[in-house]
Amino acid sequence: MKKIVILLLVVGFLSCKTERKRTVLGESDFQIEMNTKFKDASKSPLTKKGLKEFKGLDFFPIDEKYTVNAKIVLLPDAPVFNFPTTTDRVVLYRKYGILSFSIEGKDFELAIYQDVNPDPEYINHLFLPFLDNTNGKTSYQGGRYIDVYTTDIQPNGTVTIDFNKAYNPYCAYSDRYSCPIPPQENSLDTEIKAGVMAYKKP
């Protein structure tokens, strides 16, 4: 009986310790994954000083209203788009489609893009950059991105877009990166209080 009690205490201690660790890292799989990557020196976009002082990214509270079911209209004949970046580099994307969705009864549209010459591992990757009214206040001034995949598109022409998984371009953390700039047509006239918040450089 004594051994059982001790075992239960140990399990309880470990569970609490794991829960505390989880709380520090994030409240969703996405947040945990982001913080884990940012803590890994081999993957992190942070500067050496930033990595040394890193305790976790700041996130907006998770809000289900920012997980939307969007209708997508594909644009198979769209021309190649020269995407400007934060440096002199220009990247080539094709407008893959237009997403239509609603948040709190208000209708919005966003263009979604596909790399013209993707690496094989990114063959199904779609690029969704956007701006909103939190930029330069509570979120990164240069806008944010969301990862979407062609395989996410349902047979009925809809796709789930989760703004709780919106993240900053690496330029928000270090000047050594060159990042695509979201076009003005992808500016949402509302506050998207979801995803990764602005980063305060040390």
N, C-alpha and C. Protein backbone atom coordinates (compact mmCIF):
# COMPACT_ATOMS: atom_id res chain seq x y z
N MET A 1 0.83 -1.21 0.00
CA MET A 1 0.00 0.00 0.00
C MET A 1 0.87 1.27 0.00
N LYS A 2 1.93 1.23 0.81
CA LYS A 2 2.83 2.36 0.90
C LYS A 2 3.48 2.64 -0.44
N LYS A 3 3.84 1.56 -1.16
CA LYS A 3 4.47 1.72 -2.48
C LYS A 3 3.51 2.35 -3.46
N ILE A 4 2.24 1.98 -3.37
CA ILE A 4 1.23 2.53 -4.28
C ILE A 4 1.05 4.03 -4.03
N VAL A 5 1.02 4.41 -2.76
CA VAL A 5 0.88 5.83 -2.41
C VAL A 5 2.05 6.63 -2.95
N ILE A 6 3.27 6.10 -2.76
CA ILE A 6 4.48 6.79 -3.24
C ILE A 6 4.43 6.92 -4.76
N LEU A 7 4.00 5.84 -5.43
CA LEU A 7 3.91 5.86 -6.89
C LEU A 7 2.92 6.92 -7.37
N LEU A 8 1.78 7.01 -6.69
CA LEU A 8 0.78 8.01 -7.07
C LEU A 8 1.31 9.42 -6.86
N LEU A 9 2.06 9.62 -5.78
CA LEU A 9 2.64 10.94 -5.52
C LEU A 9 3.64 11.32 -6.60
N VAL A 10 4.46 10.35 -7.01
CA VAL A 10 5.46 10.60 -8.06
C VAL A 10 4.78 10.94 -9.37
N VAL A 11 3.76 10.14 -9.73
CA VAL A 11 3.02 10.40 -10.97
C VAL A 11 2.36 11.78 -10.93
N GLY A 12 1.78 12.12 -9.78
CA GLY A 12 1.14 13.42 -9.64
C GLY A 12 2.13 14.55 -9.78
N PHE A 13 3.32 14.37 -9.18
CA PHE A 13 4.37 15.39 -9.28
C PHE A 13 4.81 15.59 -10.71
N LEU A 14 5.04 14.48 -11.41
CA LEU A 14 5.47 14.56 -12.80
C LEU A 14 4.41 15.18 -13.68
N SER A 15 3.15 14.87 -13.40
CA SER A 15 2.04 15.43 -14.18
C SER A 15 1.98 16.94 -14.00
N CYS A 16 2.14 17.38 -12.76
CA CYS A 16 2.13 18.81 -12.48
C CYS A 16 3.29 19.51 -13.14
N LYS A 17 4.44 18.85 -13.08
CA LYS A 17 5.65 19.42 -13.69
C LYS A 17 5.48 19.55 -15.19
N THR A 18 4.89 18.50 -15.82
CA THR A 18 4.65 18.52 -17.26
C THR A 18 3.65 19.61 -17.61
N GLU A 19 2.61 19.75 -16.78
CA GLU A 19 1.58 20.75 -17.04
C GLU A 19 2.16 22.15 -16.95
N ARG A 20 3.04 22.36 -15.93
CA ARG A 20 3.68 23.67 -15.80
C ARG A 20 4.53 23.97 -17.01
N LYS A 21 5.25 22.94 -17.48
CA LYS A 21 6.10 23.14 -18.64
C LYS A 21 5.26 23.46 -19.86
N ARG A 22 4.12 22.77 -20.01
CA ARG A 22 3.23 22.98 -21.15
C ARG A 22 2.65 24.40 -21.11
N THR A 23 2.29 24.86 -19.91
CA THR A 23 1.71 26.19 -19.78
C THR A 23 2.71 27.25 -20.19
N VAL A 24 3.97 27.06 -19.82
CA VAL A 24 5.01 28.01 -20.19
C VAL A 24 5.20 28.03 -21.70
N LEU A 25 5.15 26.87 -22.36
CA LEU A 25 5.43 26.77 -23.79
C LEU A 25 4.27 27.23 -24.66
N GLY A 26 3.04 27.04 -24.19
CA GLY A 26 1.91 27.46 -25.01
C GLY A 26 0.63 26.72 -24.65
N GLU A 27 -0.47 27.20 -25.20
CA GLU A 27 -1.78 26.65 -24.88
C GLU A 27 -2.37 25.82 -26.02
N SER A 28 -1.62 25.63 -27.10
CA SER A 28 -2.08 24.81 -28.22
C SER A 28 -0.87 24.13 -28.84
N ASP A 29 -1.12 23.15 -29.67
CA ASP A 29 -0.02 22.47 -30.35
C ASP A 29 0.79 23.45 -31.19
N PHE A 30 0.10 24.38 -31.84
CA PHE A 30 0.79 25.39 -32.66
C PHE A 30 1.72 26.24 -31.81
N GLN A 31 1.23 26.73 -30.67
CA GLN A 31 2.05 27.58 -29.81
C GLN A 31 3.25 26.82 -29.24
N ILE A 32 3.02 25.59 -28.85
CA ILE A 32 4.12 24.76 -28.33
C ILE A 32 5.16 24.51 -29.41
N GLU A 33 4.68 24.21 -30.61
CA GLU A 33 5.60 23.97 -31.73
C GLU A 33 6.43 25.20 -32.05
N MET A 34 5.79 26.36 -32.05
CA MET A 34 6.50 27.61 -32.34
C MET A 34 7.56 27.89 -31.28
N ASN A 35 7.19 27.79 -30.01
CA ASN A 35 8.14 28.08 -28.94
C ASN A 35 9.28 27.07 -28.91
N THR A 36 8.97 25.82 -29.20
CA THR A 36 10.01 24.80 -29.25
C THR A 36 11.03 25.10 -30.34
N LYS A 37 10.53 25.52 -31.51
CA LYS A 37 11.41 25.85 -32.62
C LYS A 37 12.26 27.08 -32.30
N PHE A 38 11.65 28.07 -31.68
CA PHE A 38 12.37 29.30 -31.38
C PHE A 38 13.44 29.09 -30.30
N LYS A 39 13.27 28.09 -29.47
CA LYS A 39 14.27 27.80 -28.43
C LYS A 39 15.44 26.99 -28.98
N ASP A 40 15.25 26.38 -30.15
CA ASP A 40 16.27 25.53 -30.77
C ASP A 40 17.20 26.40 -31.60
N ALA A 41 18.46 26.51 -31.17
CA ALA A 41 19.42 27.38 -31.85
C ALA A 41 19.62 27.02 -33.31
N SER A 42 19.41 25.76 -33.67
CA SER A 42 19.61 25.32 -35.06
C SER A 42 18.44 25.71 -35.96
N LYS A 43 17.31 26.11 -35.38
CA LYS A 43 16.12 26.45 -36.16
C LYS A 43 15.62 27.87 -35.91
N SER A 44 16.02 28.46 -34.81
CA SER A 44 15.47 29.73 -34.38
C SER A 44 15.91 30.90 -35.26
N PRO A 45 14.98 31.82 -35.58
CA PRO A 45 15.35 33.04 -36.32
C PRO A 45 15.88 34.14 -35.40
N LEU A 46 15.91 33.88 -34.12
CA LEU A 46 16.35 34.89 -33.16
C LEU A 46 17.84 35.16 -33.27
N THR A 47 18.23 36.36 -32.89
CA THR A 47 19.64 36.70 -32.78
C THR A 47 20.22 35.97 -31.57
N LYS A 48 21.51 35.97 -31.44
CA LYS A 48 22.15 35.31 -30.30
C LYS A 48 21.65 35.91 -28.99
N LYS A 49 21.53 37.23 -28.96
CA LYS A 49 21.05 37.89 -27.76
C LYS A 49 19.58 37.55 -27.51
N GLY A 50 18.80 37.54 -28.59
CA GLY A 50 17.39 37.22 -28.47
C GLY A 50 17.17 35.80 -27.99
N LEU A 51 17.99 34.88 -28.51
CA LEU A 51 17.88 33.48 -28.12
C LEU A 51 18.25 33.29 -26.65
N LYS A 52 19.25 34.02 -26.21
CA LYS A 52 19.69 33.91 -24.82
C LYS A 52 18.60 34.37 -23.86
N GLU A 53 17.84 35.39 -24.27
CA GLU A 53 16.83 35.96 -23.38
C GLU A 53 15.41 35.43 -23.66
N PHE A 54 15.30 34.51 -24.59
CA PHE A 54 13.98 34.03 -25.00
C PHE A 54 13.29 33.21 -23.92
N LYS A 55 12.07 33.59 -23.61
CA LYS A 55 11.27 32.85 -22.62
C LYS A 55 9.95 32.37 -23.22
N GLY A 56 9.70 32.68 -24.47
CA GLY A 56 8.47 32.28 -25.13
C GLY A 56 7.88 33.43 -25.91
N LEU A 57 7.22 33.11 -27.02
CA LEU A 57 6.56 34.12 -27.82
C LEU A 57 5.29 34.59 -27.11
N ASP A 58 4.88 35.80 -27.43
CA ASP A 58 3.60 36.31 -26.93
C ASP A 58 2.52 35.99 -27.95
N PHE A 59 1.40 35.45 -27.49
CA PHE A 59 0.28 35.10 -28.35
C PHE A 59 -0.99 35.80 -27.89
N PHE A 60 -1.84 36.14 -28.85
CA PHE A 60 -3.19 36.56 -28.49
C PHE A 60 -3.90 35.35 -27.88
N PRO A 61 -4.89 35.57 -27.02
CA PRO A 61 -5.67 34.44 -26.52
C PRO A 61 -6.33 33.69 -27.67
N ILE A 62 -6.37 32.38 -27.58
CA ILE A 62 -7.01 31.58 -28.62
C ILE A 62 -8.51 31.91 -28.64
N ASP A 63 -9.00 32.21 -29.84
CA ASP A 63 -10.41 32.60 -29.99
C ASP A 63 -10.98 31.88 -31.20
N GLU A 64 -11.98 31.05 -30.97
CA GLU A 64 -12.55 30.23 -32.04
C GLU A 64 -13.21 31.04 -33.15
N LYS A 65 -13.57 32.29 -32.86
CA LYS A 65 -14.20 33.09 -33.91
C LYS A 65 -13.23 33.39 -35.06
N TYR A 66 -11.92 33.23 -34.78
CA TYR A 66 -10.92 33.45 -35.82
C TYR A 66 -10.54 32.18 -36.57
N THR A 67 -11.25 31.11 -36.34
CA THR A 67 -11.13 29.91 -37.15
C THR A 67 -12.32 29.91 -38.09
N VAL A 68 -12.07 30.18 -39.37
CA VAL A 68 -13.16 30.41 -40.32
C VAL A 68 -13.17 29.36 -41.43
N ASN A 69 -14.34 29.12 -41.93
CA ASN A 69 -14.52 28.22 -43.06
C ASN A 69 -14.64 29.09 -44.31
N ALA A 70 -13.60 29.12 -45.11
CA ALA A 70 -13.54 30.03 -46.26
C ALA A 70 -13.89 29.31 -47.56
N LYS A 71 -14.57 30.02 -48.43
CA LYS A 71 -14.82 29.53 -49.78
C LYS A 71 -13.65 29.97 -50.65
N ILE A 72 -13.10 29.05 -51.44
CA ILE A 72 -11.98 29.40 -52.29
C ILE A 72 -12.36 29.29 -53.76
N VAL A 73 -12.05 30.35 -54.51
CA VAL A 73 -12.23 30.36 -55.96
C VAL A 73 -10.84 30.27 -56.57
N LEU A 74 -10.57 29.18 -57.26
CA LEU A 74 -9.25 28.95 -57.83
C LEU A 74 -9.03 29.82 -59.06
N LEU A 75 -7.78 30.21 -59.27
CA LEU A 75 -7.41 31.06 -60.41
C LEU A 75 -6.30 30.37 -61.21
N PRO A 76 -6.62 29.32 -61.94
CA PRO A 76 -5.59 28.52 -62.63
C PRO A 76 -4.83 29.29 -63.72
N ASP A 77 -5.42 30.36 -64.24
CA ASP A 77 -4.77 31.12 -65.32
C ASP A 77 -4.19 32.44 -64.84
N ALA A 78 -4.06 32.61 -63.55
CA ALA A 78 -3.52 33.87 -63.02
C ALA A 78 -2.06 34.04 -63.41
N PRO A 79 -1.65 35.27 -63.72
CA PRO A 79 -0.25 35.51 -64.09
C PRO A 79 0.69 35.41 -62.90
N VAL A 80 1.96 35.31 -63.18
CA VAL A 80 2.98 35.28 -62.13
C VAL A 80 3.06 36.66 -61.49
N PHE A 81 3.17 36.66 -60.18
CA PHE A 81 3.21 37.91 -59.42
C PHE A 81 4.60 38.10 -58.84
N ASN A 82 5.21 39.27 -59.11
CA ASN A 82 6.52 39.60 -58.55
C ASN A 82 6.33 40.14 -57.13
N PHE A 83 6.60 39.29 -56.17
CA PHE A 83 6.37 39.65 -54.77
C PHE A 83 7.55 40.44 -54.25
N PRO A 84 7.34 41.69 -53.81
CA PRO A 84 8.43 42.44 -53.19
C PRO A 84 8.77 41.88 -51.83
N THR A 85 9.98 42.09 -51.40
CA THR A 85 10.42 41.63 -50.09
C THR A 85 11.03 42.79 -49.31
N THR A 86 11.46 42.51 -48.12
CA THR A 86 12.07 43.54 -47.27
C THR A 86 13.48 43.89 -47.72
N THR A 87 14.01 43.19 -48.73
CA THR A 87 15.30 43.52 -49.31
C THR A 87 15.09 43.73 -50.81
N ASP A 88 16.19 43.75 -51.58
CA ASP A 88 16.08 43.93 -53.03
C ASP A 88 15.62 42.65 -53.73
N ARG A 89 15.55 41.56 -53.00
CA ARG A 89 15.14 40.28 -53.59
C ARG A 89 13.67 40.32 -53.98
N VAL A 90 13.36 39.71 -55.12
CA VAL A 90 11.99 39.58 -55.58
C VAL A 90 11.68 38.10 -55.73
N VAL A 91 10.56 37.65 -55.18
CA VAL A 91 10.18 36.24 -55.28
C VAL A 91 8.96 36.12 -56.20
N LEU A 92 8.87 35.00 -56.88
CA LEU A 92 7.81 34.80 -57.86
C LEU A 92 6.71 33.90 -57.31
N TYR A 93 5.51 34.44 -57.28
CA TYR A 93 4.35 33.69 -56.83
C TYR A 93 3.23 33.82 -57.88
N ARG A 94 2.37 32.84 -57.89
CA ARG A 94 1.16 32.93 -58.70
C ARG A 94 -0.03 33.00 -57.75
N LYS A 95 -0.99 33.87 -58.10
CA LYS A 95 -2.18 33.95 -57.28
C LYS A 95 -2.98 32.66 -57.48
N TYR A 96 -3.04 31.87 -56.42
CA TYR A 96 -3.66 30.55 -56.50
C TYR A 96 -5.19 30.62 -56.43
N GLY A 97 -5.68 31.56 -55.64
CA GLY A 97 -7.12 31.67 -55.50
C GLY A 97 -7.52 32.83 -54.61
N ILE A 98 -8.83 33.03 -54.49
CA ILE A 98 -9.38 34.07 -53.62
C ILE A 98 -10.22 33.39 -52.54
N LEU A 99 -9.93 33.75 -51.29
CA LEU A 99 -10.66 33.21 -50.14
C LEU A 99 -11.74 34.21 -49.71
N SER A 100 -12.95 33.71 -49.51
CA SER A 100 -14.04 34.55 -49.01
C SER A 100 -14.53 33.95 -47.70
N PHE A 101 -14.69 34.81 -46.68
CA PHE A 101 -15.09 34.32 -45.36
C PHE A 101 -15.70 35.46 -44.56
N SER A 102 -16.26 35.12 -43.42
CA SER A 102 -16.87 36.12 -42.55
C SER A 102 -16.32 35.98 -41.13
N ILE A 103 -16.18 37.12 -40.47
CA ILE A 103 -15.84 37.16 -39.05
C ILE A 103 -16.82 38.09 -38.37
N GLU A 104 -17.56 37.55 -37.43
CA GLU A 104 -18.58 38.30 -36.70
C GLU A 104 -19.55 39.02 -37.65
N GLY A 105 -19.96 38.32 -38.69
CA GLY A 105 -20.94 38.86 -39.62
C GLY A 105 -20.40 39.80 -40.68
N LYS A 106 -19.10 40.08 -40.67
CA LYS A 106 -18.49 40.97 -41.66
C LYS A 106 -17.73 40.14 -42.68
N ASP A 107 -17.95 40.44 -43.96
CA ASP A 107 -17.35 39.66 -45.05
C ASP A 107 -15.97 40.19 -45.43
N PHE A 108 -15.06 39.24 -45.73
CA PHE A 108 -13.70 39.59 -46.12
C PHE A 108 -13.23 38.71 -47.27
N GLU A 109 -12.19 39.19 -47.94
CA GLU A 109 -11.53 38.40 -48.98
C GLU A 109 -10.03 38.52 -48.83
N LEU A 110 -9.34 37.44 -49.11
CA LEU A 110 -7.88 37.42 -49.13
C LEU A 110 -7.41 36.62 -50.35
N ALA A 111 -6.36 37.10 -50.97
CA ALA A 111 -5.73 36.33 -52.04
C ALA A 111 -4.73 35.37 -51.41
N ILE A 112 -4.65 34.19 -51.96
CA ILE A 112 -3.69 33.19 -51.47
C ILE A 112 -2.77 32.83 -52.64
N TYR A 113 -1.50 32.61 -52.36
CA TYR A 113 -0.49 32.48 -53.39
C TYR A 113 0.25 31.14 -53.34
N GLN A 114 0.88 30.81 -54.47
CA GLN A 114 1.69 29.59 -54.55
C GLN A 114 3.03 29.92 -55.21
N ASP A 115 4.09 29.42 -54.63
CA ASP A 115 5.44 29.60 -55.17
C ASP A 115 5.50 29.00 -56.57
N VAL A 116 6.08 29.75 -57.51
CA VAL A 116 6.17 29.27 -58.89
C VAL A 116 7.14 28.11 -59.01
N ASN A 117 8.22 28.17 -58.26
CA ASN A 117 9.24 27.11 -58.31
C ASN A 117 9.54 26.58 -56.90
N PRO A 118 8.60 25.88 -56.30
CA PRO A 118 8.81 25.43 -54.91
C PRO A 118 9.79 24.27 -54.81
N ASP A 119 10.45 24.17 -53.68
CA ASP A 119 11.23 22.97 -53.39
C ASP A 119 10.26 21.80 -53.26
N PRO A 120 10.70 20.59 -53.57
CA PRO A 120 9.80 19.43 -53.52
C PRO A 120 9.04 19.29 -52.20
N GLU A 121 9.68 19.64 -51.08
CA GLU A 121 9.01 19.49 -49.78
C GLU A 121 7.88 20.51 -49.58
N TYR A 122 7.86 21.56 -50.44
CA TYR A 122 6.83 22.58 -50.32
C TYR A 122 5.86 22.57 -51.49
N ILE A 123 5.78 21.47 -52.20
CA ILE A 123 4.98 21.39 -53.41
C ILE A 123 3.50 21.65 -53.14
N ASN A 124 3.02 21.30 -51.95
CA ASN A 124 1.60 21.50 -51.60
C ASN A 124 1.37 22.73 -50.74
N HIS A 125 2.39 23.54 -50.57
CA HIS A 125 2.32 24.68 -49.67
C HIS A 125 1.71 25.90 -50.37
N LEU A 126 0.78 26.57 -49.69
CA LEU A 126 0.22 27.83 -50.17
C LEU A 126 0.58 28.93 -49.19
N PHE A 127 0.73 30.14 -49.72
CA PHE A 127 1.21 31.28 -48.94
C PHE A 127 0.07 32.27 -48.74
N LEU A 128 -0.28 32.50 -47.46
CA LEU A 128 -1.36 33.44 -47.13
C LEU A 128 -0.82 34.56 -46.25
N PRO A 129 -0.38 35.66 -46.86
CA PRO A 129 0.06 36.82 -46.09
C PRO A 129 -1.11 37.79 -45.89
N PHE A 130 -1.14 38.47 -44.77
CA PHE A 130 -2.22 39.43 -44.57
C PHE A 130 -1.80 40.56 -43.63
N LEU A 131 -2.51 41.65 -43.76
CA LEU A 131 -2.38 42.81 -42.89
C LEU A 131 -3.71 43.02 -42.18
N ASP A 132 -3.68 43.67 -41.02
CA ASP A 132 -4.93 43.99 -40.33
C ASP A 132 -4.69 45.19 -39.42
N ASN A 133 -5.71 45.61 -38.71
CA ASN A 133 -5.62 46.85 -37.94
C ASN A 133 -4.85 46.73 -36.62
N THR A 134 -4.30 45.56 -36.34
CA THR A 134 -3.44 45.46 -35.15
C THR A 134 -1.97 45.73 -35.50
N ASN A 135 -1.64 45.78 -36.79
CA ASN A 135 -0.25 45.92 -37.22
C ASN A 135 0.37 47.21 -36.68
N GLY A 136 1.56 47.08 -36.11
CA GLY A 136 2.24 48.23 -35.54
C GLY A 136 1.77 48.60 -34.15
N LYS A 137 0.77 47.85 -33.66
CA LYS A 137 0.25 48.09 -32.31
C LYS A 137 0.53 46.84 -31.47
N THR A 138 -0.35 45.87 -31.60
CA THR A 138 -0.17 44.63 -30.83
C THR A 138 0.39 43.50 -31.67
N SER A 139 0.46 43.70 -32.99
CA SER A 139 1.08 42.69 -33.86
C SER A 139 2.18 43.34 -34.70
N TYR A 140 2.96 42.51 -35.36
CA TYR A 140 4.09 43.00 -36.16
C TYR A 140 3.61 43.95 -37.25
N GLN A 141 4.31 45.07 -37.39
CA GLN A 141 3.89 46.12 -38.31
C GLN A 141 3.90 45.67 -39.77
N GLY A 142 4.72 44.67 -40.10
CA GLY A 142 4.84 44.22 -41.47
C GLY A 142 3.84 43.14 -41.87
N GLY A 143 2.84 42.86 -41.02
CA GLY A 143 1.87 41.84 -41.36
C GLY A 143 2.28 40.46 -40.89
N ARG A 144 1.42 39.48 -41.14
CA ARG A 144 1.68 38.12 -40.69
C ARG A 144 1.33 37.11 -41.79
N TYR A 145 1.71 35.87 -41.55
CA TYR A 145 1.48 34.79 -42.51
C TYR A 145 0.68 33.66 -41.86
N ILE A 146 0.01 32.88 -42.72
CA ILE A 146 -0.62 31.63 -42.29
C ILE A 146 -0.25 30.55 -43.30
N ASP A 147 0.07 29.37 -42.81
CA ASP A 147 0.37 28.25 -43.70
C ASP A 147 -0.92 27.52 -44.07
N VAL A 148 -1.10 27.32 -45.36
CA VAL A 148 -2.23 26.56 -45.87
C VAL A 148 -1.67 25.58 -46.90
N TYR A 149 -2.34 24.46 -47.09
CA TYR A 149 -1.87 23.45 -48.03
C TYR A 149 -2.97 23.10 -49.03
N THR A 150 -2.57 22.77 -50.23
CA THR A 150 -3.55 22.39 -51.25
C THR A 150 -4.39 21.22 -50.77
N THR A 151 -3.79 20.37 -49.96
CA THR A 151 -4.50 19.20 -49.43
C THR A 151 -5.55 19.57 -48.38
N ASP A 152 -5.54 20.84 -47.92
CA ASP A 152 -6.55 21.30 -46.96
C ASP A 152 -7.88 21.63 -47.64
N ILE A 153 -7.83 21.82 -48.95
CA ILE A 153 -9.02 22.23 -49.69
C ILE A 153 -9.98 21.05 -49.82
N GLN A 154 -11.21 21.27 -49.42
CA GLN A 154 -12.22 20.22 -49.43
C GLN A 154 -12.88 20.10 -50.81
N PRO A 155 -13.47 18.95 -51.10
CA PRO A 155 -14.14 18.76 -52.40
C PRO A 155 -15.23 19.79 -52.70
N ASN A 156 -15.82 20.37 -51.65
CA ASN A 156 -16.87 21.36 -51.85
C ASN A 156 -16.32 22.78 -52.05
N GLY A 157 -14.99 22.89 -52.19
CA GLY A 157 -14.39 24.19 -52.46
C GLY A 157 -14.23 25.09 -51.26
N THR A 158 -14.15 24.49 -50.08
CA THR A 158 -13.92 25.28 -48.87
C THR A 158 -12.60 24.86 -48.22
N VAL A 159 -12.08 25.75 -47.38
CA VAL A 159 -10.85 25.45 -46.65
C VAL A 159 -10.91 26.18 -45.31
N THR A 160 -10.46 25.53 -44.27
CA THR A 160 -10.44 26.14 -42.94
C THR A 160 -9.20 27.01 -42.78
N ILE A 161 -9.42 28.27 -42.41
CA ILE A 161 -8.32 29.20 -42.14
C ILE A 161 -8.34 29.53 -40.65
N ASP A 162 -7.24 29.23 -39.98
CA ASP A 162 -7.16 29.46 -38.53
C ASP A 162 -6.18 30.60 -38.24
N PHE A 163 -6.74 31.77 -37.98
CA PHE A 163 -5.90 32.93 -37.68
C PHE A 163 -5.19 32.78 -36.33
N ASN A 164 -5.62 31.85 -35.50
CA ASN A 164 -4.88 31.57 -34.27
C ASN A 164 -3.50 31.00 -34.56
N LYS A 165 -3.28 30.59 -35.82
CA LYS A 165 -1.97 30.06 -36.23
C LYS A 165 -1.19 31.07 -37.07
N ALA A 166 -1.61 32.32 -37.03
CA ALA A 166 -0.89 33.37 -37.76
C ALA A 166 0.46 33.63 -37.08
N TYR A 167 1.50 33.77 -37.86
CA TYR A 167 2.83 33.97 -37.29
C TYR A 167 3.56 35.10 -38.00
N ASN A 168 4.59 35.61 -37.36
CA ASN A 168 5.38 36.71 -37.91
C ASN A 168 6.40 36.21 -38.92
N PRO A 169 6.69 37.02 -39.95
CA PRO A 169 7.83 36.69 -40.81
C PRO A 169 9.12 36.79 -39.98
N TYR A 170 10.14 36.08 -40.42
CA TYR A 170 11.39 36.06 -39.66
C TYR A 170 12.02 37.45 -39.53
N CYS A 171 11.65 38.37 -40.43
CA CYS A 171 12.19 39.73 -40.35
C CYS A 171 11.80 40.43 -39.06
N ALA A 172 10.76 39.95 -38.42
CA ALA A 172 10.34 40.54 -37.15
C ALA A 172 11.35 40.28 -36.04
N TYR A 173 12.22 39.29 -36.26
CA TYR A 173 13.15 38.86 -35.21
C TYR A 173 14.61 39.19 -35.52
N SER A 174 14.92 39.32 -36.79
CA SER A 174 16.31 39.59 -37.16
C SER A 174 16.37 40.25 -38.53
N ASP A 175 17.31 41.16 -38.71
CA ASP A 175 17.48 41.87 -39.97
C ASP A 175 18.19 41.03 -41.03
N ARG A 176 18.62 39.83 -40.67
CA ARG A 176 19.37 39.02 -41.63
C ARG A 176 18.46 38.26 -42.62
N TYR A 177 17.14 38.42 -42.47
CA TYR A 177 16.21 37.71 -43.34
C TYR A 177 15.59 38.63 -44.38
N SER A 178 15.17 38.03 -45.49
CA SER A 178 14.46 38.72 -46.55
C SER A 178 13.06 38.12 -46.62
N CYS A 179 12.03 38.93 -46.35
CA CYS A 179 10.68 38.40 -46.21
C CYS A 179 9.70 39.03 -47.20
N PRO A 180 8.83 38.25 -47.81
CA PRO A 180 7.79 38.81 -48.69
C PRO A 180 6.89 39.78 -47.93
N ILE A 181 6.53 40.86 -48.58
CA ILE A 181 5.67 41.88 -47.97
C ILE A 181 4.23 41.64 -48.40
N PRO A 182 3.30 41.49 -47.47
CA PRO A 182 1.89 41.29 -47.83
C PRO A 182 1.38 42.43 -48.70
N PRO A 183 0.69 42.12 -49.80
CA PRO A 183 0.16 43.18 -50.66
C PRO A 183 -1.01 43.89 -50.00
N GLN A 184 -1.26 45.13 -50.41
CA GLN A 184 -2.33 45.92 -49.81
C GLN A 184 -3.70 45.30 -50.02
N GLU A 185 -3.85 44.55 -51.12
CA GLU A 185 -5.14 43.91 -51.36
C GLU A 185 -5.47 42.87 -50.27
N ASN A 186 -4.46 42.45 -49.53
CA ASN A 186 -4.67 41.49 -48.44
C ASN A 186 -4.71 42.18 -47.08
N SER A 187 -5.20 43.41 -47.10
CA SER A 187 -5.34 44.16 -45.85
C SER A 187 -6.78 44.04 -45.36
N LEU A 188 -6.96 43.53 -44.15
CA LEU A 188 -8.28 43.34 -43.57
C LEU A 188 -8.63 44.53 -42.69
N ASP A 189 -9.77 45.14 -42.96
CA ASP A 189 -10.18 46.30 -42.20
C ASP A 189 -10.87 45.86 -40.90
N THR A 190 -10.10 45.20 -40.08
CA THR A 190 -10.56 44.75 -38.77
C THR A 190 -9.34 44.37 -37.95
N GLU A 191 -9.52 44.19 -36.66
CA GLU A 191 -8.42 43.74 -35.82
C GLU A 191 -8.48 42.22 -35.69
N ILE A 192 -7.42 41.56 -36.17
CA ILE A 192 -7.32 40.11 -36.02
C ILE A 192 -6.49 39.84 -34.76
N LYS A 193 -7.18 39.74 -33.63
CA LYS A 193 -6.51 39.52 -32.35
C LYS A 193 -6.31 38.03 -32.13
N ALA A 194 -5.45 37.46 -32.96
CA ALA A 194 -5.20 36.02 -32.92
C ALA A 194 -3.80 35.75 -33.44
N GLY A 195 -3.22 34.63 -33.00
CA GLY A 195 -1.89 34.26 -33.46
C GLY A 195 -0.77 34.92 -32.68
N VAL A 196 0.38 35.01 -33.30
CA VAL A 196 1.58 35.56 -32.66
C VAL A 196 1.48 37.08 -32.59
N MET A 197 1.84 37.62 -31.46
CA MET A 197 1.82 39.08 -31.26
C MET A 197 3.17 39.68 -31.67
N ALA A 198 3.27 41.00 -31.52
CA ALA A 198 4.50 41.69 -31.86
C ALA A 198 5.65 41.21 -30.96
N TYR A 199 6.84 41.19 -31.54
CA TYR A 199 8.03 40.75 -30.80
C TYR A 199 8.82 41.99 -30.38
N LYS A 200 9.19 42.03 -29.13
CA LYS A 200 10.00 43.12 -28.61
C LYS A 200 11.46 42.69 -28.60
N LYS A 201 12.22 43.26 -29.51
CA LYS A 201 13.64 42.90 -29.61
C LYS A 201 14.40 43.35 -28.36
N PRO A 202 15.26 42.48 -27.83
CA PRO A 202 16.02 42.83 -26.62
C PRO A 202 17.07 43.88 -26.91
